Amino acid sequence: MQERLNYLKSQYMTAESECSDVENDFRDIQRYVGKIIRTFKDSKFSLAVASQMTYDENTHFNENNVI
């Protein structure tokens, strides 16, 4: 029984450490994404669709249909 408890504690600690690592990775990514968003916001870029249409989830915007 003690052996099983020790095993479960070990598994828990490993999972806890992995979660902490993922959280730290997301924090790092958030900083970069935040910077990208601020830069894009400050760029005065205006997105407009070339012609009025109905779009669905399969629509892909590219340089041919966005001005």
C-alpha atoms as a PDB file:
ATOM      1  CA  MET A   1       0.000   0.000   0.000  1.00  0.00           C
ATOM      2  CA  GLN A   2       2.812   2.426   0.878  1.00  0.00           C
ATOM      3  CA  GLU A   3       4.537   1.589  -2.390  1.00  0.00           C
ATOM      4  CA  ARG A   4       1.371   2.475  -4.329  1.00  0.00           C
ATOM      5  CA  LEU A   5       1.048   5.738  -2.386  1.00  0.00           C
ATOM      6  CA  ASN A   6       4.635   6.660  -3.162  1.00  0.00           C
ATOM      7  CA  TYR A   7       4.070   5.871  -6.844  1.00  0.00           C
ATOM      8  CA  LEU A   8       0.942   8.047  -6.979  1.00  0.00           C
ATOM      9  CA  LYS A   9       2.736  10.901  -5.196  1.00  0.00           C
ATOM     10  CA  SER A  10       5.542  10.654  -7.720  1.00  0.00           C
ATOM     11  CA  GLN A  11       3.080  10.709 -10.617  1.00  0.00           C
ATOM     12  CA  TYR A  12       1.310  13.698  -9.074  1.00  0.00           C
ATOM     13  CA  MET A  13       4.554  15.613  -8.645  1.00  0.00           C
ATOM     14  CA  THR A  14       5.554  14.874 -12.245  1.00  0.00           C
ATOM     15  CA  ALA A  15       2.167  16.061 -13.543  1.00  0.00           C
ATOM     16  CA  GLU A  16       2.334  19.167 -11.347  1.00  0.00           C
ATOM     17  CA  SER A  17       5.786  20.000 -12.707  1.00  0.00           C
ATOM     18  CA  GLU A  18       4.641  19.486 -16.310  1.00  0.00           C
ATOM     19  CA  CYS A  19       1.625  21.775 -15.729  1.00  0.00           C
ATOM     20  CA  SER A  20       3.887  24.420 -14.296  1.00  0.00           C
ATOM     21  CA  ASP A  21       6.182  24.165 -17.329  1.00  0.00           C
ATOM     22  CA  VAL A  22       3.229  24.548 -19.713  1.00  0.00           C
ATOM     23  CA  GLU A  23       1.937  27.558 -17.766  1.00  0.00           C
ATOM     24  CA  ASN A  24       5.364  29.183 -18.025  1.00  0.00           C
ATOM     25  CA  ASP A  25       5.476  28.466 -21.763  1.00  0.00           C
ATOM     26  CA  PHE A  26       2.074  30.107 -22.220  1.00  0.00           C
ATOM     27  CA  ARG A  27       3.198  33.160 -20.239  1.00  0.00           C
ATOM     28  CA  ASP A  28       6.215  33.497 -22.524  1.00  0.00           C
ATOM     29  CA  ILE A  29       4.043  33.127 -25.624  1.00  0.00           C
ATOM     30  CA  GLN A  30       1.538  35.666 -24.258  1.00  0.00           C
ATOM     31  CA  ARG A  31       4.251  38.315 -24.098  1.00  0.00           C
ATOM     32  CA  TYR A  32       5.149  37.815 -27.755  1.00  0.00           C
ATOM     33  CA  VAL A  33       1.525  37.705 -28.902  1.00  0.00           C
ATOM     34  CA  GLY A  34       0.768  40.851 -26.912  1.00  0.00           C
ATOM     35  CA  LYS A  35       3.658  42.627 -28.599  1.00  0.00           C
ATOM     36  CA  ILE A  36       2.498  41.454 -32.034  1.00  0.00           C
ATOM     37  CA  ILE A  37      -1.051  42.666 -31.352  1.00  0.00           C
ATOM     38  CA  ARG A  38       0.148  46.071 -30.130  1.00  0.00           C
ATOM     39  CA  THR A  39       2.412  46.430 -33.171  1.00  0.00           C
ATOM     40  CA  PHE A  40      -0.422  45.480 -35.525  1.00  0.00           C
ATOM     41  CA  LYS A  41      -2.788  47.907 -33.762  1.00  0.00           C
ATOM     42  CA  ASP A  42      -0.257  50.741 -34.133  1.00  0.00           C
ATOM     43  CA  SER A  43       0.382  49.945 -37.816  1.00  0.00           C
ATOM     44  CA  LYS A  44      -2.769  51.782 -39.000  1.00  0.00           C
ATOM     45  CA  PHE A  45      -3.486  48.781 -41.243  1.00  0.00           C
ATOM     46  CA  SER A  46      -7.073  48.727 -42.428  1.00  0.00           C
ATOM     47  CA  LEU A  47      -8.568  45.445 -43.569  1.00  0.00           C
ATOM     48  CA  ALA A  48     -11.405  45.621 -46.097  1.00  0.00           C
ATOM     49  CA  VAL A  49     -12.921  42.873 -48.227  1.00  0.00           C
ATOM     50  CA  ALA A  50     -12.769  43.619 -51.973  1.00  0.00           C
ATOM     51  CA  SER A  51     -16.459  42.861 -52.574  1.00  0.00           C
ATOM     52  CA  GLN A  52     -19.477  42.251 -50.364  1.00  0.00           C
ATOM     53  CA  MET A  53     -20.245  38.527 -50.198  1.00  0.00           C
ATOM     54  CA  THR A  54     -21.533  35.887 -47.833  1.00  0.00           C
ATOM     55  CA  TYR A  55     -18.673  33.996 -46.255  1.00  0.00           C
ATOM     56  CA  ASP A  56     -18.672  30.593 -44.576  1.00  0.00           C
ATOM     57  CA  GLU A  57     -16.119  28.706 -42.495  1.00  0.00           C
ATOM     58  CA  ASN A  58     -14.397  27.436 -45.663  1.00  0.00           C
ATOM     59  CA  THR A  59     -13.615  30.937 -46.967  1.00  0.00           C
ATOM     60  CA  HIS A  60      -9.922  31.758 -47.097  1.00  0.00           C
ATOM     61  CA  PHE A  61      -8.817  35.365 -47.343  1.00  0.00           C
ATOM     62  CA  ASN A  62      -5.715  36.112 -49.363  1.00  0.00           C
ATOM     63  CA  GLU A  63      -4.137  38.898 -51.406  1.00  0.00           C
ATOM     64  CA  ASN A  64      -6.640  38.285 -54.237  1.00  0.00           C
ATOM     65  CA  ASN A  65      -9.810  38.931 -52.226  1.00  0.00           C
ATOM     66  CA  VAL A  66      -8.679  41.455 -49.603  1.00  0.00           C
ATOM     67  CA  ILE A  67      -7.751  45.059 -50.371  1.00  0.00           C
END
